[in-house]
C-alpha atoms as a PDB file:
ATOM      1  CA  MET A   1      -0.398  -0.176  -0.129  1.00  0.00           C
ATOM      2  CA  ARG A   2       1.223   3.223  -0.698  1.00  0.00           C
ATOM      3  CA  THR A   3       1.661   5.761   2.429  1.00  0.00           C
ATOM      4  CA  ASP A   4       3.060   8.742   0.232  1.00  0.00           C
ATOM      5  CA  GLY A   5       0.018  10.445  -0.321  1.00  0.00           C
ATOM      6  CA  CYS A   6      -3.117   9.872  -2.208  1.00  0.00           C
ATOM      7  CA  ALA A   7      -5.214  10.342  -4.842  1.00  0.00           C
ATOM      8  CA  LEU A   8      -8.296  12.521  -5.200  1.00  0.00           C
ATOM      9  CA  VAL A   9     -11.345  11.444  -7.867  1.00  0.00           C
ATOM     10  CA  THR A  10     -13.716  14.347  -8.212  1.00  0.00           C
ATOM     11  CA  GLY A  11     -17.386  13.220  -9.084  1.00  0.00           C
ATOM     12  CA  ALA A  12     -16.378   9.878  -8.172  1.00  0.00           C
ATOM     13  CA  SER A  13     -19.733   8.202  -6.956  1.00  0.00           C
ATOM     14  CA  ARG A  14     -20.870   6.206 -10.178  1.00  0.00           C
ATOM     15  CA  GLY A  15     -19.797   6.244 -13.454  1.00  0.00           C
ATOM     16  CA  ILE A  16     -16.105   6.555 -15.350  1.00  0.00           C
ATOM     17  CA  GLY A  17     -15.504   8.514 -11.986  1.00  0.00           C
ATOM     18  CA  ALA A  18     -16.612   5.661  -9.911  1.00  0.00           C
ATOM     19  CA  ALA A  19     -14.479   3.116 -12.379  1.00  0.00           C
ATOM     20  CA  ILE A  20     -11.614   5.079 -11.844  1.00  0.00           C
ATOM     21  CA  ALA A  21     -11.152   5.434  -8.416  1.00  0.00           C
ATOM     22  CA  LYS A  22     -11.858   1.586  -8.088  1.00  0.00           C
ATOM     23  CA  MET A  23      -8.550   1.380 -10.223  1.00  0.00           C
ATOM     24  CA  LEU A  24      -6.346   3.763  -8.598  1.00  0.00           C
ATOM     25  CA  ALA A  25      -6.916   2.225  -5.057  1.00  0.00           C
ATOM     26  CA  ALA A  26      -6.236  -1.205  -6.564  1.00  0.00           C
ATOM     27  CA  GLU A  27      -2.930   0.573  -7.445  1.00  0.00           C
ATOM     28  CA  GLY A  28      -1.994   1.046  -4.427  1.00  0.00           C
ATOM     29  CA  TRP A  29      -3.462   5.068  -3.871  1.00  0.00           C
ATOM     30  CA  PRO A  30      -5.545   6.045  -0.888  1.00  0.00           C
ATOM     31  CA  VAL A  31      -8.322   7.322  -2.707  1.00  0.00           C
ATOM     32  CA  GLY A  32     -10.591  10.645  -2.049  1.00  0.00           C
ATOM     33  CA  ILE A  33     -14.285   9.672  -3.508  1.00  0.00           C
ATOM     34  CA  ASN A  34     -15.546  13.615  -4.293  1.00  0.00           C
ATOM     35  CA  PHE A  35     -19.307  13.264  -4.738  1.00  0.00           C
ATOM     36  CA  ARG A  36     -21.879  16.722  -4.257  1.00  0.00           C
ATOM     37  CA  THR A  37     -25.094  15.390  -4.074  1.00  0.00           C
ATOM     38  CA  ASP A  38     -24.894  11.623  -3.982  1.00  0.00           C
ATOM     39  CA  GLU A  39     -23.674   9.993  -0.773  1.00  0.00           C
ATOM     40  CA  GLU A  40     -24.943   6.761  -1.183  1.00  0.00           C
ATOM     41  CA  GLY A  41     -22.999   5.801  -4.422  1.00  0.00           C
ATOM     42  CA  ALA A  42     -19.941   7.795  -2.591  1.00  0.00           C
ATOM     43  CA  ASN A  43     -20.220   5.458   0.447  1.00  0.00           C
ATOM     44  CA  SER A  44     -20.896   2.104  -1.876  1.00  0.00           C
ATOM     45  CA  VAL A  45     -17.441   3.119  -4.090  1.00  0.00           C
ATOM     46  CA  VAL A  46     -16.241   3.387  -0.799  1.00  0.00           C
ATOM     47  CA  ASP A  47     -17.395  -0.456   0.482  1.00  0.00           C
ATOM     48  CA  GLU A  48     -16.240  -1.916  -2.578  1.00  0.00           C
ATOM     49  CA  ILE A  49     -12.750  -0.312  -2.283  1.00  0.00           C
ATOM     50  CA  GLU A  50     -12.293  -1.447   1.669  1.00  0.00           C
ATOM     51  CA  ALA A  51     -13.782  -4.976   0.934  1.00  0.00           C
ATOM     52  CA  ALA A  52     -10.872  -5.345  -1.679  1.00  0.00           C
ATOM     53  CA  GLY A  53      -7.777  -4.024   0.869  1.00  0.00           C
ATOM     54  CA  GLY A  54      -7.721  -0.594  -0.322  1.00  0.00           C
ATOM     55  CA  GLN A  55      -8.453   2.629   1.434  1.00  0.00           C
ATOM     56  CA  ALA A  56     -11.025   5.504   0.540  1.00  0.00           C
ATOM     57  CA  LEU A  57     -12.569   8.248   2.119  1.00  0.00           C
ATOM     58  CA  THR A  58     -15.462  10.070   0.826  1.00  0.00           C
ATOM     59  CA  VAL A  59     -15.208  13.652   0.221  1.00  0.00           C
ATOM     60  CA  GLN A  60     -18.552  16.296   0.211  1.00  0.00           C
ATOM     61  CA  GLY A  61     -17.937  18.886  -2.133  1.00  0.00           C
ATOM     62  CA  ASP A  62     -19.386  20.818  -5.224  1.00  0.00           C
ATOM     63  CA  VAL A  63     -16.703  21.307  -7.321  1.00  0.00           C
ATOM     64  CA  ALA A  64     -18.259  24.725  -8.973  1.00  0.00           C
ATOM     65  CA  ASP A  65     -18.226  26.238  -5.290  1.00  0.00           C
ATOM     66  CA  PRO A  66     -15.265  27.757  -4.732  1.00  0.00           C
ATOM     67  CA  ASP A  67     -15.333  27.909  -1.181  1.00  0.00           C
ATOM     68  CA  ALA A  68     -15.204  23.432  -1.315  1.00  0.00           C
ATOM     69  CA  VAL A  69     -12.029  23.455  -2.854  1.00  0.00           C
ATOM     70  CA  ASP A  70     -10.203  23.808   0.785  1.00  0.00           C
ATOM     71  CA  SER A  71     -12.320  21.322   2.586  1.00  0.00           C
ATOM     72  CA  VAL A  72     -11.790  19.092   0.406  1.00  0.00           C
ATOM     73  CA  PHE A  73      -8.399  18.923   0.077  1.00  0.00           C
ATOM     74  CA  ALA A  74      -8.078  19.138   3.835  1.00  0.00           C
ATOM     75  CA  GLU A  75     -10.202  16.281   4.996  1.00  0.00           C
ATOM     76  CA  LEU A  76      -8.154  14.562   2.405  1.00  0.00           C
ATOM     77  CA  GLU A  77      -4.446  14.985   3.906  1.00  0.00           C
ATOM     78  CA  GLN A  78      -5.615  14.951   7.165  1.00  0.00           C
ATOM     79  CA  ARG A  79      -6.681  11.857   6.776  1.00  0.00           C
ATOM     80  CA  PHE A  80      -3.955  10.975   3.706  1.00  0.00           C
ATOM     81  CA  GLY A  81      -1.424  13.444   3.529  1.00  0.00           C
ATOM     82  CA  PRO A  82      -0.769  15.236   0.200  1.00  0.00           C
ATOM     83  CA  VAL A  83      -3.162  14.412  -3.389  1.00  0.00           C
ATOM     84  CA  LEU A  84      -0.656  13.223  -5.350  1.00  0.00           C
ATOM     85  CA  VAL A  85      -2.806  12.342  -7.940  1.00  0.00           C
ATOM     86  CA  LEU A  86      -6.038  14.568  -9.414  1.00  0.00           C
ATOM     87  CA  VAL A  87      -8.273  13.276 -11.732  1.00  0.00           C
ATOM     88  CA  ASN A  88     -11.077  16.009 -12.351  1.00  0.00           C
ATOM     89  CA  ASN A  89     -13.752  14.172 -13.934  1.00  0.00           C
ATOM     90  CA  ALA A  90     -16.780  15.847 -12.198  1.00  0.00           C
ATOM     91  CA  GLY A  91     -19.280  17.123 -14.937  1.00  0.00           C
ATOM     92  CA  VAL A  92     -22.602  17.656 -15.817  1.00  0.00           C
ATOM     93  CA  ARG A  93     -24.606  18.673 -18.800  1.00  0.00           C
ATOM     94  CA  ALA A  94     -27.214  21.156 -19.979  1.00  0.00           C
ATOM     95  CA  ASP A  95     -27.562  20.306 -23.483  1.00  0.00           C
ATOM     96  CA  ASP A  96     -29.639  22.520 -26.034  1.00  0.00           C
ATOM     97  CA  LEU A  97     -29.154  24.565 -29.721  1.00  0.00           C
ATOM     98  CA  SER A  98     -26.678  27.312 -28.593  1.00  0.00           C
ATOM     99  CA  MET A  99     -29.725  29.562 -29.234  1.00  0.00           C
ATOM    100  CA  GLN A 100     -31.816  28.310 -26.855  1.00  0.00           C
ATOM    101  CA  ILE A 101     -29.023  27.691 -24.563  1.00  0.00           C
ATOM    102  CA  SER A 102     -29.477  30.065 -21.265  1.00  0.00           C
ATOM    103  CA  ASP A 103     -27.363  31.980 -19.336  1.00  0.00           C
ATOM    104  CA  ASP A 104     -27.210  29.710 -16.364  1.00  0.00           C
ATOM    105  CA  GLU A 105     -27.267  27.205 -18.263  1.00  0.00           C
ATOM    106  CA  TRP A 106     -24.007  28.283 -20.082  1.00  0.00           C
ATOM    107  CA  GLU A 107     -22.576  29.172 -16.349  1.00  0.00           C
ATOM    108  CA  HIS A 108     -23.510  25.941 -14.465  1.00  0.00           C
ATOM    109  CA  VAL A 109     -21.353  24.046 -17.544  1.00  0.00           C
ATOM    110  CA  LEU A 110     -18.699  26.439 -17.106  1.00  0.00           C
ATOM    111  CA  ALA A 111     -18.422  26.020 -13.616  1.00  0.00           C
ATOM    112  CA  THR A 112     -18.446  22.668 -13.085  1.00  0.00           C
ATOM    113  CA  ASN A 113     -16.830  20.801 -16.231  1.00  0.00           C
ATOM    114  CA  LEU A 114     -14.069  23.574 -16.875  1.00  0.00           C
ATOM    115  CA  SER A 115     -13.913  26.206 -13.624  1.00  0.00           C
ATOM    116  CA  GLY A 116     -13.781  23.435 -11.230  1.00  0.00           C
ATOM    117  CA  ALA A 117     -10.972  21.607 -12.659  1.00  0.00           C
ATOM    118  CA  PHE A 118      -9.004  24.773 -12.976  1.00  0.00           C
ATOM    119  CA  ARG A 119      -9.584  25.078  -8.644  1.00  0.00           C
ATOM    120  CA  MET A 120      -9.148  21.815  -7.907  1.00  0.00           C
ATOM    121  CA  THR A 121      -5.637  21.650  -9.621  1.00  0.00           C
ATOM    122  CA  ARG A 122      -4.182  24.909  -8.576  1.00  0.00           C
ATOM    123  CA  ARG A 123      -4.877  23.771  -4.998  1.00  0.00           C
ATOM    124  CA  ALA A 124      -3.476  20.264  -5.724  1.00  0.00           C
ATOM    125  CA  LEU A 125      -0.908  21.924  -7.583  1.00  0.00           C
ATOM    126  CA  LYS A 126       0.598  22.862  -3.977  1.00  0.00           C
ATOM    127  CA  GLY A 127       1.681  19.826  -2.543  1.00  0.00           C
ATOM    128  CA  MET A 128       2.771  18.385  -5.187  1.00  0.00           C
ATOM    129  CA  MET A 129       5.368  20.933  -5.823  1.00  0.00           C
ATOM    130  CA  ARG A 130       6.631  20.586  -2.908  1.00  0.00           C
ATOM    131  CA  ALA A 131       6.919  17.066  -3.345  1.00  0.00           C
ATOM    132  CA  ARG A 132       7.971  17.158  -6.838  1.00  0.00           C
ATOM    133  CA  HIS A 133       5.994  14.356  -7.861  1.00  0.00           C
ATOM    134  CA  GLY A 134       2.333  14.412  -9.315  1.00  0.00           C
ATOM    135  CA  ARG A 135      -0.148  13.758 -11.841  1.00  0.00           C
ATOM    136  CA  VAL A 136      -3.218  15.674 -13.130  1.00  0.00           C
ATOM    137  CA  ILE A 137      -5.274  13.882 -15.476  1.00  0.00           C
ATOM    138  CA  ASN A 138      -8.637  16.411 -16.818  1.00  0.00           C
ATOM    139  CA  ILE A 139     -11.409  13.962 -18.529  1.00  0.00           C
ATOM    140  CA  SER A 140     -12.289  15.839 -21.327  1.00  0.00           C
ATOM    141  CA  SER A 141     -14.310  14.518 -24.562  1.00  0.00           C
ATOM    142  CA  VAL A 142     -14.531  14.430 -27.843  1.00  0.00           C
ATOM    143  CA  VAL A 143     -16.627  17.064 -28.507  1.00  0.00           C
ATOM    144  CA  GLY A 144     -14.011  19.283 -27.190  1.00  0.00           C
ATOM    145  CA  GLY A 145     -12.257  20.545 -30.097  1.00  0.00           C
ATOM    146  CA  VAL A 146     -12.190  17.045 -32.422  1.00  0.00           C
ATOM    147  CA  ARG A 147     -15.899  15.948 -32.751  1.00  0.00           C
ATOM    148  CA  GLY A 148     -18.452  18.693 -32.919  1.00  0.00           C
ATOM    149  CA  ASN A 149     -22.139  17.343 -31.232  1.00  0.00           C
ATOM    150  CA  PRO A 150     -25.231  19.801 -31.897  1.00  0.00           C
ATOM    151  CA  GLY A 151     -26.808  20.775 -29.226  1.00  0.00           C
ATOM    152  CA  GLN A 152     -23.650  20.383 -26.275  1.00  0.00           C
ATOM    153  CA  ALA A 153     -22.247  23.875 -27.309  1.00  0.00           C
ATOM    154  CA  ASN A 154     -21.982  24.960 -23.567  1.00  0.00           C
ATOM    155  CA  TYR A 155     -20.177  21.175 -23.116  1.00  0.00           C
ATOM    156  CA  ALA A 156     -18.157  21.124 -25.697  1.00  0.00           C
ATOM    157  CA  ALA A 157     -16.893  24.741 -24.629  1.00  0.00           C
ATOM    158  CA  SER A 158     -16.100  23.600 -21.286  1.00  0.00           C
ATOM    159  CA  LYS A 159     -14.067  20.342 -22.911  1.00  0.00           C
ATOM    160  CA  ALA A 160     -12.171  21.978 -25.009  1.00  0.00           C
ATOM    161  CA  GLY A 161     -10.974  24.659 -22.315  1.00  0.00           C
ATOM    162  CA  LEU A 162      -9.727  21.647 -20.740  1.00  0.00           C
ATOM    163  CA  VAL A 163      -7.970  20.877 -23.238  1.00  0.00           C
ATOM    164  CA  GLY A 164      -5.958  23.920 -23.972  1.00  0.00           C
ATOM    165  CA  PHE A 165      -5.425  24.163 -19.880  1.00  0.00           C
ATOM    166  CA  THR A 166      -4.024  21.288 -19.516  1.00  0.00           C
ATOM    167  CA  ARG A 167      -1.269  21.568 -22.335  1.00  0.00           C
ATOM    168  CA  THR A 168      -0.567  25.158 -20.482  1.00  0.00           C
ATOM    169  CA  VAL A 169      -0.327  23.770 -17.174  1.00  0.00           C
ATOM    170  CA  ALA A 170       1.939  20.941 -18.399  1.00  0.00           C
ATOM    171  CA  ALA A 171       4.014  23.308 -19.370  1.00  0.00           C
ATOM    172  CA  GLU A 172       4.885  25.054 -16.210  1.00  0.00           C
ATOM    173  CA  VAL A 173       4.894  22.423 -13.815  1.00  0.00           C
ATOM    174  CA  ALA A 174       6.759  19.698 -16.215  1.00  0.00           C
ATOM    175  CA  ARG A 175      10.461  20.614 -14.525  1.00  0.00           C
ATOM    176  CA  ARG A 176       8.937  19.645 -10.983  1.00  0.00           C
ATOM    177  CA  ASN A 177       7.948  16.032 -11.829  1.00  0.00           C
ATOM    178  CA  VAL A 178       4.540  16.764 -12.454  1.00  0.00           C
ATOM    179  CA  THR A 179       2.665  15.858 -15.655  1.00  0.00           C
ATOM    180  CA  VAL A 180      -0.890  17.028 -16.689  1.00  0.00           C
ATOM    181  CA  ASN A 181      -2.741  14.842 -19.037  1.00  0.00           C
ATOM    182  CA  ALA A 182      -6.199  14.805 -20.272  1.00  0.00           C
ATOM    183  CA  VAL A 183      -8.665  11.747 -21.498  1.00  0.00           C
ATOM    184  CA  ALA A 184     -11.395  12.594 -23.660  1.00  0.00           C
ATOM    185  CA  PRO A 185     -13.829   9.735 -23.894  1.00  0.00           C
ATOM    186  CA  GLY A 186     -16.143   9.429 -27.150  1.00  0.00           C
ATOM    187  CA  LEU A 187     -19.010   7.820 -26.276  1.00  0.00           C
ATOM    188  CA  VAL A 188     -19.659   5.314 -23.209  1.00  0.00           C
ATOM    189  CA  GLU A 189     -22.414   3.838 -21.340  1.00  0.00           C
ATOM    190  CA  THR A 190     -23.069   6.072 -18.082  1.00  0.00           C
ATOM    191  CA  GLU A 191     -25.618   7.861 -16.528  1.00  0.00           C
ATOM    192  CA  LEU A 192     -24.293  11.367 -18.396  1.00  0.00           C
ATOM    193  CA  THR A 193     -25.138  10.095 -21.818  1.00  0.00           C
ATOM    194  CA  GLU A 194     -29.019   9.280 -20.859  1.00  0.00           C
ATOM    195  CA  GLY A 195     -30.579  10.981 -23.766  1.00  0.00           C
ATOM    196  CA  ILE A 196     -28.154  11.282 -25.860  1.00  0.00           C
ATOM    197  CA  ASP A 197     -29.104   9.423 -29.271  1.00  0.00           C
ATOM    198  CA  GLN A 198     -26.562   6.355 -28.784  1.00  0.00           C
ATOM    199  CA  GLN A 199     -27.188   4.565 -31.934  1.00  0.00           C
ATOM    200  CA  LYS A 200     -26.080   7.715 -33.639  1.00  0.00           C
ATOM    201  CA  PHE A 201     -23.038   7.376 -31.866  1.00  0.00           C
ATOM    202  CA  ILE A 202     -22.334   3.494 -32.390  1.00  0.00           C
ATOM    203  CA  ASP A 203     -23.091   3.626 -36.148  1.00  0.00           C
ATOM    204  CA  ALA A 204     -20.273   5.998 -36.549  1.00  0.00           C
ATOM    205  CA  VAL A 205     -17.647   3.967 -34.145  1.00  0.00           C
ATOM    206  CA  PRO A 206     -15.606   1.487 -35.980  1.00  0.00           C
ATOM    207  CA  ALA A 207     -15.739  -0.410 -33.347  1.00  0.00           C
ATOM    208  CA  ARG A 208     -19.664  -0.470 -33.524  1.00  0.00           C
ATOM    209  CA  ARG A 209     -20.150  -0.377 -30.011  1.00  0.00           C
ATOM    210  CA  ALA A 210     -20.083   1.995 -26.804  1.00  0.00           C
ATOM    211  CA  GLY A 211     -16.946   2.322 -24.297  1.00  0.00           C
ATOM    212  CA  THR A 212     -17.273   0.854 -20.767  1.00  0.00           C
ATOM    213  CA  PRO A 213     -16.040   3.337 -17.976  1.00  0.00           C
ATOM    214  CA  GLN A 214     -13.718   0.825 -16.984  1.00  0.00           C
ATOM    215  CA  GLU A 215     -11.718   1.417 -20.093  1.00  0.00           C
ATOM    216  CA  ILE A 216     -11.457   5.138 -19.517  1.00  0.00           C
ATOM    217  CA  ALA A 217      -9.796   4.205 -15.916  1.00  0.00           C
ATOM    218  CA  ALA A 218      -7.716   1.896 -17.557  1.00  0.00           C
ATOM    219  CA  ALA A 219      -6.103   5.261 -19.615  1.00  0.00           C
ATOM    220  CA  VAL A 220      -6.123   6.960 -16.322  1.00  0.00           C
ATOM    221  CA  ARG A 221      -4.003   4.290 -14.352  1.00  0.00           C
ATOM    222  CA  PHE A 222      -1.502   4.205 -16.955  1.00  0.00           C
ATOM    223  CA  LEU A 223      -1.532   8.438 -17.296  1.00  0.00           C
ATOM    224  CA  ALA A 224      -1.087   8.373 -13.189  1.00  0.00           C
ATOM    225  CA  SER A 225       1.959   5.690 -13.312  1.00  0.00           C
ATOM    226  CA  GLU A 226       5.275   5.840 -12.903  1.00  0.00           C
ATOM    227  CA  ASP A 227       5.557   4.834 -16.825  1.00  0.00           C
ATOM    228  CA  ALA A 228       3.843   7.630 -17.886  1.00  0.00           C
ATOM    229  CA  ALA A 229       6.343   9.528 -16.209  1.00  0.00           C
ATOM    230  CA  TYR A 230       7.255  11.552 -19.854  1.00  0.00           C
ATOM    231  CA  ILE A 231       3.847  12.053 -21.118  1.00  0.00           C
ATOM    232  CA  THR A 232       2.711  15.439 -20.486  1.00  0.00           C
ATOM    233  CA  GLY A 233       0.273  17.826 -21.927  1.00  0.00           C
ATOM    234  CA  ILE A 234      -1.426  15.598 -25.030  1.00  0.00           C
ATOM    235  CA  THR A 235      -4.761  14.624 -24.818  1.00  0.00           C
ATOM    236  CA  LEU A 236      -5.561  10.579 -24.563  1.00  0.00           C
ATOM    237  CA  THR A 237      -8.500   9.528 -27.126  1.00  0.00           C
ATOM    238  CA  VAL A 238     -10.324   7.130 -25.872  1.00  0.00           C
ATOM    239  CA  ASP A 239     -13.257   6.364 -28.494  1.00  0.00           C
ATOM    240  CA  GLY A 240     -13.119   3.221 -30.474  1.00  0.00           C
ATOM    241  CA  GLY A 241     -12.082   4.753 -33.865  1.00  0.00           C
ATOM    242  CA  LEU A 242     -14.694   7.353 -33.568  1.00  0.00           C
ATOM    243  CA  THR A 243     -12.558  10.032 -34.463  1.00  0.00           C
ATOM    244  CA  ALA A 244      -9.915   8.231 -36.710  1.00  0.00           C
END
């Protein structure tokens, strides 16, 4: 079991976040399971990790709330030490055609998906820079600059912003052995993709299927590992060939 620090996964009570948390725990990281409202789901993830011999702690906090960041980190740091792996996974959608998206819908999606990731990263980098070791992995999307999807202007803008943010921060901190990368999933079967015309996407995917949360988690596990120490500033697309 690792004792030098811990991992934090935002939006980890279900779906991709839960799969990532479980996989990092299996690699020996104590993991913070961040959630906004789904306490039952977060507790279930912790129970599963602990049943497998790992360590985990639920940490409630809305990443869109600037005041929540320090409390999330303080709770984890007191229990497990510095956050040396941060996965910015928390995300929301508010889909509509661009001419019909309200200011509130635009700002809510950007506040959660992009500004939340910025604030969490800014806070995590303090401990990573001191430790001269860290991994930041941002969960973007293929709609964030690779493939347009009508009705998701706010979501696409937030995910494209994550890609640019990833590259810039990676260049800033690389000398301190801190890497910053992104993973861009295609269609993945989760609650977040409910309501999307999945068959339209599947017909365009050479693999002819949706991805699984575990397949996205495997990409994160690699980028968090020592094997990826010389990889930084990249966006790893995991989409079954959708953008090939």
